[in-house]
Amino acid sequence: MLASAQAHERIDLRTSPEIKELIVRAATAAGMSVSAFLLATAQERARQILAETEMIALSSRDWNAFAKALDNTDKPRPRLSAAMKRHREWQEKR
Protein backbone atom coordinates (compact mmCIF):
# COMPACT_ATOMS: atom_id res chain seq x y z
CA MET A 1 0.00 0.00 0.00
CA LEU A 2 1.28 3.47 -0.74
CA ALA A 3 2.46 5.41 2.27
CA SER A 4 0.11 8.29 1.43
CA ALA A 5 -2.92 6.06 0.84
CA GLN A 6 -5.51 6.00 3.58
CA ALA A 7 -6.80 2.63 4.70
CA HIS A 8 -10.56 2.32 4.33
CA GLU A 9 -10.99 -1.43 4.04
CA ARG A 10 -10.62 -4.09 6.67
CA ILE A 11 -9.56 -7.73 6.41
CA ASP A 12 -10.29 -10.04 9.32
CA LEU A 13 -8.73 -13.45 9.67
CA ARG A 14 -8.40 -16.20 12.21
CA THR A 15 -5.39 -18.39 12.76
CA SER A 16 -3.89 -20.82 15.21
CA PRO A 17 -1.79 -19.56 18.11
CA GLU A 18 1.31 -21.13 16.53
CA ILE A 19 0.88 -19.29 13.23
CA LYS A 20 0.11 -16.03 15.03
CA GLU A 21 3.30 -16.36 17.07
CA LEU A 22 5.29 -17.08 13.91
CA ILE A 23 3.87 -13.97 12.22
CA VAL A 24 4.47 -11.80 15.29
CA ARG A 25 8.09 -13.00 15.51
CA ALA A 26 8.69 -12.34 11.80
CA ALA A 27 7.08 -8.88 11.99
CA THR A 28 9.20 -8.03 15.03
CA ALA A 29 12.35 -9.25 13.29
CA ALA A 30 11.47 -7.06 10.31
CA GLY A 31 10.83 -4.07 12.59
CA MET A 32 7.21 -3.83 11.47
CA SER A 33 3.80 -3.99 13.07
CA VAL A 34 1.91 -7.20 12.46
CA SER A 35 -0.58 -5.35 10.24
CA ALA A 36 2.14 -3.70 8.17
CA PHE A 37 3.99 -7.02 7.87
CA LEU A 38 0.88 -8.90 6.75
CA LEU A 39 -0.07 -6.22 4.24
CA ALA A 40 3.41 -5.95 2.76
CA THR A 41 3.85 -9.70 2.55
CA ALA A 42 0.40 -10.33 1.07
CA GLN A 43 0.82 -7.49 -1.44
CA GLU A 44 4.20 -8.79 -2.59
CA ARG A 45 2.89 -12.33 -3.00
CA ALA A 46 -0.26 -11.14 -4.78
CA ARG A 47 1.87 -9.27 -7.32
CA GLN A 48 4.03 -12.36 -7.88
CA ILE A 49 1.01 -14.57 -8.45
CA LEU A 50 -0.62 -12.11 -10.84
CA ALA A 51 2.62 -11.64 -12.76
CA GLU A 52 2.90 -15.41 -13.18
CA THR A 53 -0.70 -15.83 -14.29
CA GLU A 54 -1.32 -12.68 -16.34
CA MET A 55 1.92 -12.34 -18.29
CA ILE A 56 3.56 -14.56 -20.85
CA ALA A 57 7.30 -14.30 -21.40
CA LEU A 58 8.58 -15.44 -24.76
CA SER A 59 12.11 -15.96 -25.94
CA SER A 60 13.18 -13.97 -28.97
CA ARG A 61 12.82 -17.09 -31.12
CA ASP A 62 9.33 -17.83 -29.79
CA TRP A 63 8.24 -14.20 -30.21
CA ASN A 64 9.40 -14.24 -33.84
CA ALA A 65 7.49 -17.47 -34.48
CA PHE A 66 4.38 -16.00 -32.85
CA ALA A 67 4.60 -12.77 -34.85
CA LYS A 68 5.18 -14.74 -38.06
CA ALA A 69 2.12 -16.89 -37.37
CA LEU A 70 0.03 -13.74 -36.88
CA ASP A 71 1.36 -12.20 -40.08
CA ASN A 72 0.70 -15.35 -42.12
CA THR A 73 -3.03 -15.58 -41.59
CA ASP A 74 -3.99 -15.99 -45.24
CA LYS A 75 -7.11 -18.02 -44.48
CA PRO A 76 -10.27 -15.88 -44.34
CA ARG A 77 -11.90 -15.78 -40.93
CA PRO A 78 -15.55 -14.86 -41.54
CA ARG A 79 -16.68 -15.35 -37.93
CA LEU A 80 -13.82 -13.22 -36.66
CA SER A 81 -14.63 -10.51 -39.22
CA ALA A 82 -18.29 -10.61 -38.18
CA ALA A 83 -17.35 -10.34 -34.50
CA MET A 84 -15.11 -7.37 -35.23
CA LYS A 85 -17.93 -5.70 -37.17
CA ARG A 86 -20.37 -6.25 -34.30
CA HIS A 87 -17.83 -4.84 -31.87
CA ARG A 88 -17.31 -1.71 -34.00
CA GLU A 89 -21.09 -1.22 -34.25
CA TRP A 90 -21.45 -1.70 -30.50
CA GLN A 91 -18.69 0.86 -29.86
CA GLU A 92 -20.38 3.40 -32.13
CA LYS A 93 -23.66 3.03 -30.19
CA ARG A 94 -22.01 3.79 -26.85
C-alpha atoms as a PDB file:
ATOM      1  CA  MET A   1       0.000   0.000   0.000  1.00  0.00           C
ATOM      2  CA  LEU A   2       1.283   3.474  -0.741  1.00  0.00           C
ATOM      3  CA  ALA A   3       2.459   5.412   2.268  1.00  0.00           C
ATOM      4  CA  SER A   4       0.111   8.287   1.428  1.00  0.00           C
ATOM      5  CA  ALA A   5      -2.924   6.057   0.839  1.00  0.00           C
ATOM      6  CA  GLN A   6      -5.507   5.998   3.583  1.00  0.00           C
ATOM      7  CA  ALA A   7      -6.796   2.628   4.705  1.00  0.00           C
ATOM      8  CA  HIS A   8     -10.564   2.319   4.329  1.00  0.00           C
ATOM      9  CA  GLU A   9     -10.994  -1.428   4.039  1.00  0.00           C
ATOM     10  CA  ARG A  10     -10.624  -4.093   6.669  1.00  0.00           C
ATOM     11  CA  ILE A  11      -9.561  -7.725   6.408  1.00  0.00           C
ATOM     12  CA  ASP A  12     -10.288 -10.044   9.325  1.00  0.00           C
ATOM     13  CA  LEU A  13      -8.729 -13.452   9.668  1.00  0.00           C
ATOM     14  CA  ARG A  14      -8.404 -16.200  12.212  1.00  0.00           C
ATOM     15  CA  THR A  15      -5.389 -18.394  12.759  1.00  0.00           C
ATOM     16  CA  SER A  16      -3.888 -20.817  15.206  1.00  0.00           C
ATOM     17  CA  PRO A  17      -1.787 -19.557  18.107  1.00  0.00           C
ATOM     18  CA  GLU A  18       1.307 -21.126  16.526  1.00  0.00           C
ATOM     19  CA  ILE A  19       0.881 -19.293  13.227  1.00  0.00           C
ATOM     20  CA  LYS A  20       0.114 -16.033  15.028  1.00  0.00           C
ATOM     21  CA  GLU A  21       3.301 -16.362  17.067  1.00  0.00           C
ATOM     22  CA  LEU A  22       5.294 -17.075  13.906  1.00  0.00           C
ATOM     23  CA  ILE A  23       3.873 -13.965  12.216  1.00  0.00           C
ATOM     24  CA  VAL A  24       4.469 -11.805  15.292  1.00  0.00           C
ATOM     25  CA  ARG A  25       8.090 -13.004  15.508  1.00  0.00           C
ATOM     26  CA  ALA A  26       8.688 -12.337  11.804  1.00  0.00           C
ATOM     27  CA  ALA A  27       7.084  -8.884  11.989  1.00  0.00           C
ATOM     28  CA  THR A  28       9.198  -8.026  15.028  1.00  0.00           C
ATOM     29  CA  ALA A  29      12.354  -9.250  13.291  1.00  0.00           C
ATOM     30  CA  ALA A  30      11.471  -7.058  10.312  1.00  0.00           C
ATOM     31  CA  GLY A  31      10.835  -4.073  12.587  1.00  0.00           C
ATOM     32  CA  MET A  32       7.214  -3.825  11.465  1.00  0.00           C
ATOM     33  CA  SER A  33       3.804  -3.992  13.066  1.00  0.00           C
ATOM     34  CA  VAL A  34       1.906  -7.203  12.462  1.00  0.00           C
ATOM     35  CA  SER A  35      -0.579  -5.346  10.239  1.00  0.00           C
ATOM     36  CA  ALA A  36       2.144  -3.698   8.166  1.00  0.00           C
ATOM     37  CA  PHE A  37       3.987  -7.017   7.865  1.00  0.00           C
ATOM     38  CA  LEU A  38       0.881  -8.901   6.746  1.00  0.00           C
ATOM     39  CA  LEU A  39      -0.075  -6.223   4.238  1.00  0.00           C
ATOM     40  CA  ALA A  40       3.412  -5.947   2.759  1.00  0.00           C
ATOM     41  CA  THR A  41       3.847  -9.699   2.547  1.00  0.00           C
ATOM     42  CA  ALA A  42       0.399 -10.328   1.066  1.00  0.00           C
ATOM     43  CA  GLN A  43       0.823  -7.491  -1.437  1.00  0.00           C
ATOM     44  CA  GLU A  44       4.203  -8.791  -2.591  1.00  0.00           C
ATOM     45  CA  ARG A  45       2.891 -12.330  -2.999  1.00  0.00           C
ATOM     46  CA  ALA A  46      -0.258 -11.140  -4.780  1.00  0.00           C
ATOM     47  CA  ARG A  47       1.874  -9.266  -7.315  1.00  0.00           C
ATOM     48  CA  GLN A  48       4.031 -12.357  -7.878  1.00  0.00           C
ATOM     49  CA  ILE A  49       1.007 -14.570  -8.453  1.00  0.00           C
ATOM     50  CA  LEU A  50      -0.618 -12.108 -10.842  1.00  0.00           C
ATOM     51  CA  ALA A  51       2.624 -11.640 -12.764  1.00  0.00           C
ATOM     52  CA  GLU A  52       2.898 -15.407 -13.175  1.00  0.00           C
ATOM     53  CA  THR A  53      -0.702 -15.832 -14.289  1.00  0.00           C
ATOM     54  CA  GLU A  54      -1.315 -12.682 -16.335  1.00  0.00           C
ATOM     55  CA  MET A  55       1.924 -12.337 -18.294  1.00  0.00           C
ATOM     56  CA  ILE A  56       3.557 -14.556 -20.854  1.00  0.00           C
ATOM     57  CA  ALA A  57       7.300 -14.304 -21.396  1.00  0.00           C
ATOM     58  CA  LEU A  58       8.584 -15.444 -24.757  1.00  0.00           C
ATOM     59  CA  SER A  59      12.114 -15.959 -25.941  1.00  0.00           C
ATOM     60  CA  SER A  60      13.180 -13.968 -28.975  1.00  0.00           C
ATOM     61  CA  ARG A  61      12.822 -17.091 -31.125  1.00  0.00           C
ATOM     62  CA  ASP A  62       9.332 -17.831 -29.794  1.00  0.00           C
ATOM     63  CA  TRP A  63       8.244 -14.199 -30.211  1.00  0.00           C
ATOM     64  CA  ASN A  64       9.399 -14.236 -33.845  1.00  0.00           C
ATOM     65  CA  ALA A  65       7.488 -17.469 -34.483  1.00  0.00           C
ATOM     66  CA  PHE A  66       4.381 -16.004 -32.845  1.00  0.00           C
ATOM     67  CA  ALA A  67       4.604 -12.769 -34.854  1.00  0.00           C
ATOM     68  CA  LYS A  68       5.181 -14.744 -38.063  1.00  0.00           C
ATOM     69  CA  ALA A  69       2.118 -16.888 -37.371  1.00  0.00           C
ATOM     70  CA  LEU A  70       0.029 -13.743 -36.881  1.00  0.00           C
ATOM     71  CA  ASP A  71       1.358 -12.204 -40.078  1.00  0.00           C
ATOM     72  CA  ASN A  72       0.698 -15.347 -42.123  1.00  0.00           C
ATOM     73  CA  THR A  73      -3.029 -15.575 -41.591  1.00  0.00           C
ATOM     74  CA  ASP A  74      -3.994 -15.992 -45.237  1.00  0.00           C
ATOM     75  CA  LYS A  75      -7.110 -18.019 -44.481  1.00  0.00           C
ATOM     76  CA  PRO A  76     -10.273 -15.885 -44.337  1.00  0.00           C
ATOM     77  CA  ARG A  77     -11.900 -15.780 -40.930  1.00  0.00           C
ATOM     78  CA  PRO A  78     -15.554 -14.859 -41.537  1.00  0.00           C
ATOM     79  CA  ARG A  79     -16.681 -15.354 -37.928  1.00  0.00           C
ATOM     80  CA  LEU A  80     -13.817 -13.221 -36.660  1.00  0.00           C
ATOM     81  CA  SER A  81     -14.633 -10.511 -39.218  1.00  0.00           C
ATOM     82  CA  ALA A  82     -18.295 -10.610 -38.184  1.00  0.00           C
ATOM     83  CA  ALA A  83     -17.350 -10.340 -34.501  1.00  0.00           C
ATOM     84  CA  MET A  84     -15.106  -7.367 -35.234  1.00  0.00           C
ATOM     85  CA  LYS A  85     -17.929  -5.697 -37.173  1.00  0.00           C
ATOM     86  CA  ARG A  86     -20.371  -6.253 -34.297  1.00  0.00           C
ATOM     87  CA  HIS A  87     -17.828  -4.843 -31.871  1.00  0.00           C
ATOM     88  CA  ARG A  88     -17.313  -1.712 -34.003  1.00  0.00           C
ATOM     89  CA  GLU A  89     -21.086  -1.224 -34.251  1.00  0.00           C
ATOM     90  CA  TRP A  90     -21.448  -1.701 -30.503  1.00  0.00           C
ATOM     91  CA  GLN A  91     -18.686   0.857 -29.862  1.00  0.00           C
ATOM     92  CA  GLU A  92     -20.381   3.396 -32.128  1.00  0.00           C
ATOM     93  CA  LYS A  93     -23.663   3.032 -30.195  1.00  0.00           C
ATOM     94  CA  ARG A  94     -22.008   3.785 -26.852  1.00  0.00           C
END
